[in-house]
């Protein structure tokens, strides 16, 4: 974990984090309290909808608690590393209340693909972004 995030993670969740899978073949890393809110919302979803059940199985079923050590390191369990095809080099991407962990090569390919898609986009912006400004 980069130094600039360590103290905030220690203060916010005492170094307790949860890692789970994402459909984009990366891993999601949440502070424990944030994960507990998400898990509670997921559990409340209807189990009669196949799509919702699949999402529950993926996210909750793979959720694994991990602890950041004194040097800011996390031990990512082998099954999760395998899911995300993580080899030696990984990329940590901040996403607000969570992080994404990517195999570096996969991240670079995915990022480039997303950037290429933006250039090919028909210019139609989703309503949610029409009033957004950077």
C-alpha atoms as a PDB file:
ATOM      1  CA  UNK A   1       0.000   0.000   0.000  1.00  0.00           C
ATOM      2  CA  UNK A   2       1.472   3.377  -0.929  1.00  0.00           C
ATOM      3  CA  UNK A   3       2.638   5.402   2.061  1.00  0.00           C
ATOM      4  CA  UNK A   4       0.138   8.222   1.469  1.00  0.00           C
ATOM      5  CA  UNK A   5      -2.790   5.833   2.113  1.00  0.00           C
ATOM      6  CA  UNK A   6      -1.405   3.790   5.006  1.00  0.00           C
ATOM      7  CA  UNK A   7      -2.252   6.091   7.898  1.00  0.00           C
ATOM      8  CA  UNK A   8      -5.730   6.788   6.579  1.00  0.00           C
ATOM      9  CA  UNK A   9      -6.376   3.035   6.310  1.00  0.00           C
ATOM     10  CA  UNK A  10      -4.990   2.447   9.792  1.00  0.00           C
ATOM     11  CA  UNK A  11      -7.117   5.260  11.210  1.00  0.00           C
ATOM     12  CA  UNK A  12     -10.267   4.325   9.289  1.00  0.00           C
ATOM     13  CA  UNK A  13     -10.311   0.542   9.632  1.00  0.00           C
ATOM     14  CA  UNK A  14      -7.299  -0.431  11.723  1.00  0.00           C
ATOM     15  CA  UNK A  15      -5.704  -1.971   8.628  1.00  0.00           C
ATOM     16  CA  UNK A  16      -8.639  -4.383   8.146  1.00  0.00           C
ATOM     17  CA  UNK A  17      -9.607  -4.681   4.473  1.00  0.00           C
ATOM     18  CA  UNK A  18     -11.694  -6.950   2.254  1.00  0.00           C
ATOM     19  CA  UNK A  19     -10.660  -8.121  -1.206  1.00  0.00           C
ATOM     20  CA  UNK A  20     -13.142  -9.498  -3.711  1.00  0.00           C
ATOM     21  CA  UNK A  21     -13.430 -10.044  -7.448  1.00  0.00           C
ATOM     22  CA  UNK A  22     -14.726  -7.723 -10.130  1.00  0.00           C
ATOM     23  CA  UNK A  23     -16.258  -8.628 -13.486  1.00  0.00           C
ATOM     24  CA  UNK A  24     -13.425  -6.758 -15.250  1.00  0.00           C
ATOM     25  CA  UNK A  25     -10.967  -9.426 -14.002  1.00  0.00           C
ATOM     26  CA  UNK A  26      -9.414  -7.192 -11.387  1.00  0.00           C
ATOM     27  CA  UNK A  27      -9.752  -7.264  -7.597  1.00  0.00           C
ATOM     28  CA  UNK A  28     -11.637  -4.768  -5.459  1.00  0.00           C
ATOM     29  CA  UNK A  29     -10.124  -3.718  -2.141  1.00  0.00           C
ATOM     30  CA  UNK A  30     -12.397  -2.126   0.478  1.00  0.00           C
ATOM     31  CA  UNK A  31     -11.862  -0.877   4.011  1.00  0.00           C
ATOM     32  CA  UNK A  32     -13.757  -3.322   6.234  1.00  0.00           C
ATOM     33  CA  UNK A  33     -16.482  -0.854   7.302  1.00  0.00           C
ATOM     34  CA  UNK A  34     -17.150   0.159   3.687  1.00  0.00           C
ATOM     35  CA  UNK A  35     -17.351  -3.495   2.631  1.00  0.00           C
ATOM     36  CA  UNK A  36     -19.805  -4.250   5.429  1.00  0.00           C
ATOM     37  CA  UNK A  37     -22.167  -1.560   4.067  1.00  0.00           C
ATOM     38  CA  UNK A  38     -21.888  -2.991   0.550  1.00  0.00           C
ATOM     39  CA  UNK A  39     -22.349  -6.552   1.734  1.00  0.00           C
ATOM     40  CA  UNK A  40     -25.465  -5.542   3.669  1.00  0.00           C
ATOM     41  CA  UNK A  41     -26.905  -3.975   0.508  1.00  0.00           C
ATOM     42  CA  UNK A  42     -26.044  -7.036  -1.570  1.00  0.00           C
ATOM     43  CA  UNK A  43     -27.667  -9.403   0.910  1.00  0.00           C
ATOM     44  CA  UNK A  44     -30.907  -7.390   0.742  1.00  0.00           C
ATOM     45  CA  UNK A  45     -31.175  -7.882  -3.042  1.00  0.00           C
ATOM     46  CA  UNK A  46     -33.683 -10.397  -4.308  1.00  0.00           C
ATOM     47  CA  UNK A  47     -32.336 -13.914  -4.712  1.00  0.00           C
ATOM     48  CA  UNK A  48     -35.068 -14.609  -7.289  1.00  0.00           C
ATOM     49  CA  UNK A  49     -33.307 -12.568  -9.981  1.00  0.00           C
ATOM     50  CA  UNK A  50     -30.577 -14.616 -11.687  1.00  0.00           C
ATOM     51  CA  UNK A  51     -28.411 -11.544 -12.397  1.00  0.00           C
ATOM     52  CA  UNK A  52     -28.558 -10.405  -8.790  1.00  0.00           C
ATOM     53  CA  UNK A  53     -27.795 -13.898  -7.500  1.00  0.00           C
ATOM     54  CA  UNK A  54     -24.774 -14.071  -9.787  1.00  0.00           C
ATOM     55  CA  UNK A  55     -23.537 -10.707  -8.498  1.00  0.00           C
ATOM     56  CA  UNK A  56     -24.039 -11.819  -4.885  1.00  0.00           C
ATOM     57  CA  UNK A  57     -22.171 -15.059  -5.509  1.00  0.00           C
ATOM     58  CA  UNK A  58     -19.269 -13.310  -7.170  1.00  0.00           C
ATOM     59  CA  UNK A  59     -18.805 -10.442  -4.744  1.00  0.00           C
ATOM     60  CA  UNK A  60     -19.795 -12.009  -1.431  1.00  0.00           C
ATOM     61  CA  UNK A  61     -18.584 -15.493  -2.282  1.00  0.00           C
ATOM     62  CA  UNK A  62     -15.058 -14.297  -3.052  1.00  0.00           C
ATOM     63  CA  UNK A  63     -14.833 -11.672  -0.298  1.00  0.00           C
ATOM     64  CA  UNK A  64     -11.773 -12.305   1.850  1.00  0.00           C
ATOM     65  CA  UNK A  65     -10.642 -10.311   4.858  1.00  0.00           C
ATOM     66  CA  UNK A  66      -6.998  -9.267   4.810  1.00  0.00           C
ATOM     67  CA  UNK A  67      -4.899  -7.175   7.145  1.00  0.00           C
ATOM     68  CA  UNK A  68      -2.317  -4.592   6.206  1.00  0.00           C
ATOM     69  CA  UNK A  69       0.963  -5.305   7.998  1.00  0.00           C
ATOM     70  CA  UNK A  70       3.249  -2.703   9.612  1.00  0.00           C
ATOM     71  CA  UNK A  71       5.025  -2.174   6.265  1.00  0.00           C
ATOM     72  CA  UNK A  72       1.764  -1.572   4.390  1.00  0.00           C
ATOM     73  CA  UNK A  73       1.756  -4.956   2.672  1.00  0.00           C
ATOM     74  CA  UNK A  74      -1.246  -7.188   2.021  1.00  0.00           C
ATOM     75  CA  UNK A  75      -1.236 -10.897   1.360  1.00  0.00           C
ATOM     76  CA  UNK A  76      -3.583 -11.482  -1.563  1.00  0.00           C
ATOM     77  CA  UNK A  77      -4.824 -15.091  -1.430  1.00  0.00           C
ATOM     78  CA  UNK A  78      -3.704 -17.306  -4.315  1.00  0.00           C
ATOM     79  CA  UNK A  79      -7.225 -17.968  -5.689  1.00  0.00           C
ATOM     80  CA  UNK A  80      -7.849 -14.236  -5.996  1.00  0.00           C
ATOM     81  CA  UNK A  81      -4.423 -13.629  -7.574  1.00  0.00           C
ATOM     82  CA  UNK A  82      -5.255 -16.380 -10.055  1.00  0.00           C
ATOM     83  CA  UNK A  83      -8.660 -14.883 -10.860  1.00  0.00           C
ATOM     84  CA  UNK A  84      -7.028 -11.544 -11.725  1.00  0.00           C
ATOM     85  CA  UNK A  85      -4.073 -13.216 -13.509  1.00  0.00           C
ATOM     86  CA  UNK A  86      -1.691 -11.364 -11.209  1.00  0.00           C
ATOM     87  CA  UNK A  87       1.908 -12.172 -11.841  1.00  0.00           C
ATOM     88  CA  UNK A  88       4.747 -10.104 -10.472  1.00  0.00           C
ATOM     89  CA  UNK A  89       3.743  -6.502 -11.152  1.00  0.00           C
ATOM     90  CA  UNK A  90       0.407  -5.097 -10.048  1.00  0.00           C
ATOM     91  CA  UNK A  91      -1.259  -1.708 -10.304  1.00  0.00           C
ATOM     92  CA  UNK A  92      -3.281  -0.110  -7.499  1.00  0.00           C
ATOM     93  CA  UNK A  93      -5.988   2.250  -8.746  1.00  0.00           C
ATOM     94  CA  UNK A  94      -7.797   4.515  -6.294  1.00  0.00           C
ATOM     95  CA  UNK A  95     -11.562   4.611  -6.881  1.00  0.00           C
ATOM     96  CA  UNK A  96     -12.979   6.810  -4.140  1.00  0.00           C
ATOM     97  CA  UNK A  97     -13.998   4.500  -1.302  1.00  0.00           C
ATOM     98  CA  UNK A  98     -12.199   1.487  -2.738  1.00  0.00           C
ATOM     99  CA  UNK A  99      -9.112   0.460  -4.661  1.00  0.00           C
ATOM    100  CA  UNK A 100      -8.773  -1.748  -7.694  1.00  0.00           C
ATOM    101  CA  UNK A 101      -5.858  -4.172  -7.979  1.00  0.00           C
ATOM    102  CA  UNK A 102      -4.838  -5.115 -11.519  1.00  0.00           C
ATOM    103  CA  UNK A 103      -2.178  -7.224 -13.129  1.00  0.00           C
ATOM    104  CA  UNK A 104       0.005  -4.525 -14.731  1.00  0.00           C
ATOM    105  CA  UNK A 105      -0.164  -5.922 -18.250  1.00  0.00           C
ATOM    106  CA  UNK A 106      -3.925  -6.433 -18.048  1.00  0.00           C
ATOM    107  CA  UNK A 107      -4.384  -2.892 -16.711  1.00  0.00           C
ATOM    108  CA  UNK A 108      -2.325  -1.378 -19.524  1.00  0.00           C
ATOM    109  CA  UNK A 109      -4.275  -3.298 -22.180  1.00  0.00           C
ATOM    110  CA  UNK A 110      -7.637  -2.470 -20.626  1.00  0.00           C
ATOM    111  CA  UNK A 111      -6.791   1.209 -20.159  1.00  0.00           C
ATOM    112  CA  UNK A 112      -5.642   1.525 -23.774  1.00  0.00           C
ATOM    113  CA  UNK A 113      -8.812  -0.203 -24.975  1.00  0.00           C
ATOM    114  CA  UNK A 114     -10.988   2.187 -22.940  1.00  0.00           C
ATOM    115  CA  UNK A 115      -9.113   5.182 -24.327  1.00  0.00           C
ATOM    116  CA  UNK A 116      -9.545   3.886 -27.887  1.00  0.00           C
ATOM    117  CA  UNK A 117     -13.269   3.359 -27.265  1.00  0.00           C
ATOM    118  CA  UNK A 118     -13.583   6.987 -26.147  1.00  0.00           C
ATOM    119  CA  UNK A 119     -12.148   8.150 -29.473  1.00  0.00           C
ATOM    120  CA  UNK A 120     -14.609   5.932 -31.365  1.00  0.00           C
ATOM    121  CA  UNK A 121     -17.593   6.972 -29.226  1.00  0.00           C
ATOM    122  CA  UNK A 122     -20.504   8.535 -31.079  1.00  0.00           C
ATOM    123  CA  UNK A 123     -20.353  11.557 -28.790  1.00  0.00           C
ATOM    124  CA  UNK A 124     -23.583  10.765 -26.928  1.00  0.00           C
ATOM    125  CA  UNK A 125     -22.977  11.398 -23.244  1.00  0.00           C
ATOM    126  CA  UNK A 126     -24.994   9.663 -20.506  1.00  0.00           C
ATOM    127  CA  UNK A 127     -27.421  11.990 -18.712  1.00  0.00           C
ATOM    128  CA  UNK A 128     -25.552  11.465 -15.423  1.00  0.00           C
ATOM    129  CA  UNK A 129     -22.448  13.102 -16.922  1.00  0.00           C
ATOM    130  CA  UNK A 130     -24.040  16.050 -18.736  1.00  0.00           C
ATOM    131  CA  UNK A 131     -23.724  18.363 -15.726  1.00  0.00           C
ATOM    132  CA  UNK A 132     -20.387  16.936 -14.564  1.00  0.00           C
ATOM    133  CA  UNK A 133     -17.265  19.062 -14.876  1.00  0.00           C
ATOM    134  CA  UNK A 134     -13.599  18.273 -14.290  1.00  0.00           C
END
